Amino acid sequence: MLAGLTAAFLMVGAAHAEAAPRYYDTAPGYRLNVRSGPGTGYTVVRVLAEGTKVPIYCQRPGETVTGPYGTSNIWDNIDNGEYVSDAYVHTGSDGYVAARCS
């Protein structure tokens, strides 16, 4: 019985961990630099077109940036090794809206 409950719990946990990310609007009128890490000193890996929606898989602290949605040190992980400043993403919050990146 305990083994069955443990297996069920692990399956629920795995399903939750792989849930689809929520997508957020980027600031209108901006082409957004996507960087390899949480700061403007990291390499630009691509540039997003104006009006792009981005997924946020996790978030981490980094360089403080001021943008259309305020001043923030939160950086959003939008793909493997790709970050954008949360100051350019409309999350509706001044804080974290996703888990911290590990």
N, C-alpha and C. Protein backbone atom coordinates (compact mmCIF):
# COMPACT_ATOMS: atom_id res chain seq x y z
N MET A 1 0.83 -1.19 0.00
CA MET A 1 0.00 0.00 0.00
C MET A 1 0.88 1.25 0.00
N LEU A 2 1.89 1.29 0.87
CA LEU A 2 2.78 2.45 0.96
C LEU A 2 3.53 2.65 -0.36
N ALA A 3 3.97 1.56 -0.97
CA ALA A 3 4.68 1.67 -2.24
C ALA A 3 3.78 2.26 -3.31
N GLY A 4 2.51 1.87 -3.32
CA GLY A 4 1.55 2.41 -4.30
C GLY A 4 1.31 3.89 -4.09
N LEU A 5 1.19 4.31 -2.82
CA LEU A 5 1.00 5.72 -2.53
C LEU A 5 2.22 6.54 -2.91
N THR A 6 3.40 6.00 -2.65
CA THR A 6 4.64 6.69 -3.00
C THR A 6 4.73 6.85 -4.51
N ALA A 7 4.42 5.82 -5.26
CA ALA A 7 4.47 5.88 -6.72
C ALA A 7 3.47 6.91 -7.24
N ALA A 8 2.26 6.92 -6.67
CA ALA A 8 1.25 7.89 -7.09
C ALA A 8 1.71 9.31 -6.80
N PHE A 9 2.30 9.52 -5.63
CA PHE A 9 2.80 10.85 -5.27
C PHE A 9 3.89 11.28 -6.23
N LEU A 10 4.80 10.40 -6.58
CA LEU A 10 5.89 10.73 -7.49
C LEU A 10 5.35 11.08 -8.87
N MET A 11 4.31 10.38 -9.33
CA MET A 11 3.73 10.66 -10.63
C MET A 11 3.06 12.03 -10.63
N VAL A 12 2.35 12.37 -9.56
CA VAL A 12 1.71 13.68 -9.47
C VAL A 12 2.78 14.77 -9.43
N GLY A 13 3.83 14.57 -8.66
CA GLY A 13 4.92 15.54 -8.58
C GLY A 13 5.58 15.75 -9.93
N ALA A 14 5.81 14.68 -10.67
CA ALA A 14 6.44 14.80 -11.99
C ALA A 14 5.53 15.55 -12.95
N ALA A 15 4.24 15.28 -12.91
CA ALA A 15 3.31 15.97 -13.79
C ALA A 15 3.30 17.47 -13.47
N HIS A 16 3.33 17.81 -12.19
CA HIS A 16 3.33 19.21 -11.79
C HIS A 16 4.60 19.91 -12.24
N ALA A 17 5.73 19.24 -12.13
CA ALA A 17 7.01 19.84 -12.49
C ALA A 17 7.10 20.12 -13.99
N GLU A 18 6.37 19.35 -14.80
CA GLU A 18 6.43 19.51 -16.24
C GLU A 18 5.21 20.26 -16.78
N ALA A 19 4.47 20.94 -15.92
CA ALA A 19 3.31 21.69 -16.36
C ALA A 19 3.73 22.77 -17.35
N ALA A 20 2.85 23.06 -18.28
CA ALA A 20 3.15 24.08 -19.30
C ALA A 20 3.35 25.43 -18.63
N PRO A 21 4.35 26.18 -19.08
CA PRO A 21 4.60 27.50 -18.48
C PRO A 21 3.52 28.49 -18.93
N ARG A 22 3.34 29.54 -18.16
CA ARG A 22 2.44 30.61 -18.53
C ARG A 22 3.21 31.57 -19.44
N TYR A 23 2.52 32.13 -20.44
CA TYR A 23 3.14 33.08 -21.36
C TYR A 23 2.76 34.50 -20.95
N TYR A 24 3.71 35.42 -21.11
CA TYR A 24 3.52 36.82 -20.73
C TYR A 24 3.89 37.73 -21.90
N ASP A 25 3.22 38.89 -21.99
CA ASP A 25 3.52 39.88 -23.01
C ASP A 25 4.81 40.62 -22.68
N THR A 26 5.61 40.90 -23.71
CA THR A 26 6.75 41.78 -23.53
C THR A 26 6.27 43.21 -23.78
N ALA A 27 7.05 44.18 -23.35
CA ALA A 27 6.67 45.59 -23.46
C ALA A 27 6.47 45.99 -24.92
N PRO A 28 5.35 46.64 -25.22
CA PRO A 28 5.12 47.08 -26.60
C PRO A 28 6.12 48.15 -27.01
N GLY A 29 6.52 48.11 -28.27
CA GLY A 29 7.44 49.11 -28.79
C GLY A 29 8.91 48.79 -28.56
N TYR A 30 9.20 47.61 -28.01
CA TYR A 30 10.59 47.23 -27.72
C TYR A 30 10.95 45.93 -28.42
N ARG A 31 12.13 45.90 -29.01
CA ARG A 31 12.75 44.65 -29.46
C ARG A 31 13.62 44.23 -28.29
N LEU A 32 13.36 43.09 -27.72
CA LEU A 32 13.96 42.70 -26.45
C LEU A 32 15.18 41.79 -26.65
N ASN A 33 16.31 42.21 -26.06
CA ASN A 33 17.51 41.37 -26.10
C ASN A 33 17.34 40.18 -25.18
N VAL A 34 17.64 39.00 -25.70
CA VAL A 34 17.65 37.77 -24.92
C VAL A 34 19.12 37.46 -24.64
N ARG A 35 19.45 37.28 -23.37
CA ARG A 35 20.85 37.12 -22.98
C ARG A 35 21.12 35.73 -22.44
N SER A 36 22.40 35.37 -22.42
CA SER A 36 22.80 34.04 -21.96
C SER A 36 22.83 33.93 -20.44
N GLY A 37 22.62 35.02 -19.73
CA GLY A 37 22.60 35.01 -18.26
C GLY A 37 21.85 36.22 -17.75
N PRO A 38 21.71 36.34 -16.43
CA PRO A 38 20.88 37.37 -15.82
C PRO A 38 21.55 38.74 -15.65
N GLY A 39 21.94 39.35 -16.77
CA GLY A 39 22.55 40.66 -16.71
C GLY A 39 22.91 41.16 -18.10
N THR A 40 23.10 42.48 -18.23
CA THR A 40 23.41 43.05 -19.53
C THR A 40 24.85 42.76 -19.98
N GLY A 41 25.67 42.25 -19.09
CA GLY A 41 27.03 41.88 -19.45
C GLY A 41 27.11 40.52 -20.14
N TYR A 42 26.02 39.78 -20.14
CA TYR A 42 25.99 38.48 -20.80
C TYR A 42 25.74 38.66 -22.30
N THR A 43 26.15 37.70 -23.08
CA THR A 43 26.01 37.73 -24.53
C THR A 43 24.54 37.78 -24.95
N VAL A 44 24.25 38.59 -25.97
CA VAL A 44 22.91 38.58 -26.59
C VAL A 44 22.86 37.36 -27.50
N VAL A 45 21.90 36.46 -27.23
CA VAL A 45 21.79 35.24 -28.03
C VAL A 45 20.76 35.37 -29.14
N ARG A 46 19.81 36.29 -28.97
CA ARG A 46 18.84 36.61 -30.01
C ARG A 46 18.07 37.85 -29.58
N VAL A 47 17.28 38.39 -30.49
CA VAL A 47 16.47 39.57 -30.21
C VAL A 47 15.03 39.23 -30.53
N LEU A 48 14.14 39.50 -29.57
CA LEU A 48 12.71 39.22 -29.78
C LEU A 48 12.05 40.37 -30.51
N ALA A 49 11.14 40.06 -31.39
CA ALA A 49 10.37 41.08 -32.09
C ALA A 49 9.42 41.78 -31.13
N GLU A 50 9.00 42.98 -31.51
CA GLU A 50 8.03 43.71 -30.70
C GLU A 50 6.76 42.88 -30.55
N GLY A 51 6.19 42.92 -29.34
CA GLY A 51 4.92 42.24 -29.09
C GLY A 51 5.01 40.74 -28.88
N THR A 52 6.20 40.21 -28.71
CA THR A 52 6.37 38.77 -28.49
C THR A 52 5.86 38.37 -27.12
N LYS A 53 5.22 37.21 -27.04
CA LYS A 53 4.85 36.62 -25.75
C LYS A 53 5.95 35.63 -25.39
N VAL A 54 6.32 35.60 -24.10
CA VAL A 54 7.40 34.70 -23.68
C VAL A 54 6.92 33.79 -22.53
N PRO A 55 7.41 32.55 -22.53
CA PRO A 55 7.14 31.69 -21.38
C PRO A 55 8.13 32.03 -20.28
N ILE A 56 7.74 31.83 -19.05
CA ILE A 56 8.71 31.96 -17.94
C ILE A 56 8.79 30.60 -17.27
N TYR A 57 9.93 29.92 -17.46
CA TYR A 57 10.14 28.61 -16.86
C TYR A 57 10.59 28.73 -15.41
N CYS A 58 11.42 29.73 -15.15
CA CYS A 58 11.89 30.01 -13.79
C CYS A 58 12.46 31.42 -13.79
N GLN A 59 12.76 31.92 -12.60
CA GLN A 59 13.31 33.27 -12.48
C GLN A 59 14.49 33.25 -11.52
N ARG A 60 15.40 34.21 -11.71
CA ARG A 60 16.55 34.31 -10.82
C ARG A 60 16.96 35.77 -10.66
N PRO A 61 17.59 36.09 -9.54
CA PRO A 61 18.08 37.45 -9.36
C PRO A 61 19.32 37.69 -10.20
N GLY A 62 19.51 38.93 -10.59
CA GLY A 62 20.68 39.30 -11.38
C GLY A 62 20.85 40.80 -11.35
N GLU A 63 21.38 41.34 -12.42
CA GLU A 63 21.61 42.78 -12.52
C GLU A 63 20.28 43.54 -12.46
N THR A 64 20.27 44.66 -11.76
CA THR A 64 19.08 45.50 -11.68
C THR A 64 18.94 46.32 -12.96
N VAL A 65 17.75 46.29 -13.55
CA VAL A 65 17.46 46.96 -14.81
C VAL A 65 16.18 47.78 -14.65
N THR A 66 16.13 48.95 -15.27
CA THR A 66 14.92 49.76 -15.30
C THR A 66 14.32 49.69 -16.70
N GLY A 67 13.02 49.40 -16.75
CA GLY A 67 12.32 49.29 -18.03
C GLY A 67 10.91 49.82 -17.90
N PRO A 68 10.08 49.54 -18.87
CA PRO A 68 8.71 50.06 -18.87
C PRO A 68 7.86 49.55 -17.71
N TYR A 69 8.23 48.43 -17.13
CA TYR A 69 7.45 47.86 -16.01
C TYR A 69 8.17 48.03 -14.68
N GLY A 70 9.02 49.06 -14.58
CA GLY A 70 9.67 49.37 -13.32
C GLY A 70 11.14 48.99 -13.30
N THR A 71 11.67 48.95 -12.09
CA THR A 71 13.07 48.58 -11.86
C THR A 71 13.08 47.24 -11.15
N SER A 72 13.86 46.31 -11.67
CA SER A 72 13.85 44.96 -11.12
C SER A 72 15.22 44.30 -11.29
N ASN A 73 15.53 43.42 -10.34
CA ASN A 73 16.72 42.58 -10.47
C ASN A 73 16.32 41.15 -10.84
N ILE A 74 15.06 40.95 -11.18
CA ILE A 74 14.56 39.62 -11.56
C ILE A 74 14.78 39.40 -13.05
N TRP A 75 15.31 38.25 -13.39
CA TRP A 75 15.50 37.84 -14.78
C TRP A 75 14.70 36.58 -15.04
N ASP A 76 13.99 36.57 -16.17
CA ASP A 76 13.11 35.47 -16.54
C ASP A 76 13.81 34.51 -17.49
N ASN A 77 13.79 33.24 -17.14
CA ASN A 77 14.35 32.21 -18.01
C ASN A 77 13.27 31.82 -19.00
N ILE A 78 13.49 32.13 -20.30
CA ILE A 78 12.47 31.89 -21.32
C ILE A 78 12.79 30.68 -22.20
N ASP A 79 13.97 30.14 -22.03
CA ASP A 79 14.39 28.94 -22.75
C ASP A 79 15.70 28.50 -22.13
N ASN A 80 16.21 27.38 -22.54
CA ASN A 80 17.45 26.87 -21.97
C ASN A 80 18.59 27.87 -22.20
N GLY A 81 19.10 28.46 -21.11
CA GLY A 81 20.21 29.40 -21.20
C GLY A 81 19.83 30.75 -21.79
N GLU A 82 18.54 31.11 -21.74
CA GLU A 82 18.08 32.37 -22.31
C GLU A 82 17.29 33.16 -21.27
N TYR A 83 17.71 34.42 -21.06
CA TYR A 83 17.10 35.27 -20.03
C TYR A 83 16.72 36.64 -20.58
N VAL A 84 15.62 37.18 -20.06
CA VAL A 84 15.23 38.57 -20.33
C VAL A 84 14.94 39.23 -19.00
N SER A 85 15.17 40.55 -18.96
CA SER A 85 14.88 41.29 -17.74
C SER A 85 13.38 41.35 -17.51
N ASP A 86 12.97 41.08 -16.27
CA ASP A 86 11.56 41.12 -15.92
C ASP A 86 10.98 42.54 -16.03
N ALA A 87 11.83 43.55 -16.07
CA ALA A 87 11.38 44.94 -16.22
C ALA A 87 10.77 45.19 -17.60
N TYR A 88 10.94 44.24 -18.52
CA TYR A 88 10.38 44.35 -19.87
C TYR A 88 9.30 43.30 -20.14
N VAL A 89 8.87 42.60 -19.11
CA VAL A 89 7.84 41.57 -19.26
C VAL A 89 6.67 41.91 -18.35
N HIS A 90 5.47 41.93 -18.91
CA HIS A 90 4.29 42.29 -18.14
C HIS A 90 3.76 41.07 -17.39
N THR A 91 4.23 40.90 -16.15
CA THR A 91 3.78 39.77 -15.34
C THR A 91 2.65 40.16 -14.39
N GLY A 92 2.44 41.47 -14.21
CA GLY A 92 1.43 41.93 -13.27
C GLY A 92 1.90 41.92 -11.83
N SER A 93 3.21 41.73 -11.63
CA SER A 93 3.76 41.63 -10.29
C SER A 93 5.14 42.28 -10.24
N ASP A 94 5.49 42.83 -9.09
CA ASP A 94 6.85 43.34 -8.90
C ASP A 94 7.76 42.26 -8.32
N GLY A 95 7.19 41.08 -8.05
CA GLY A 95 7.96 40.00 -7.46
C GLY A 95 8.03 38.79 -8.38
N TYR A 96 8.41 37.69 -7.81
CA TYR A 96 8.53 36.44 -8.56
C TYR A 96 7.15 35.88 -8.89
N VAL A 97 6.99 35.40 -10.13
CA VAL A 97 5.74 34.75 -10.55
C VAL A 97 5.99 33.29 -10.95
N ALA A 98 7.23 32.86 -10.84
CA ALA A 98 7.60 31.47 -11.16
C ALA A 98 8.66 31.03 -10.15
N ALA A 99 8.93 29.76 -10.16
CA ALA A 99 9.95 29.22 -9.24
C ALA A 99 11.31 29.82 -9.54
N ARG A 100 12.16 29.86 -8.53
CA ARG A 100 13.55 30.31 -8.75
C ARG A 100 14.30 29.24 -9.52
N CYS A 101 15.14 29.70 -10.46
CA CYS A 101 15.97 28.77 -11.23
C CYS A 101 16.99 28.12 -10.28
N SER A 102 17.25 26.85 -10.53
CA SER A 102 18.23 26.15 -9.69
C SER A 102 19.61 26.23 -10.29
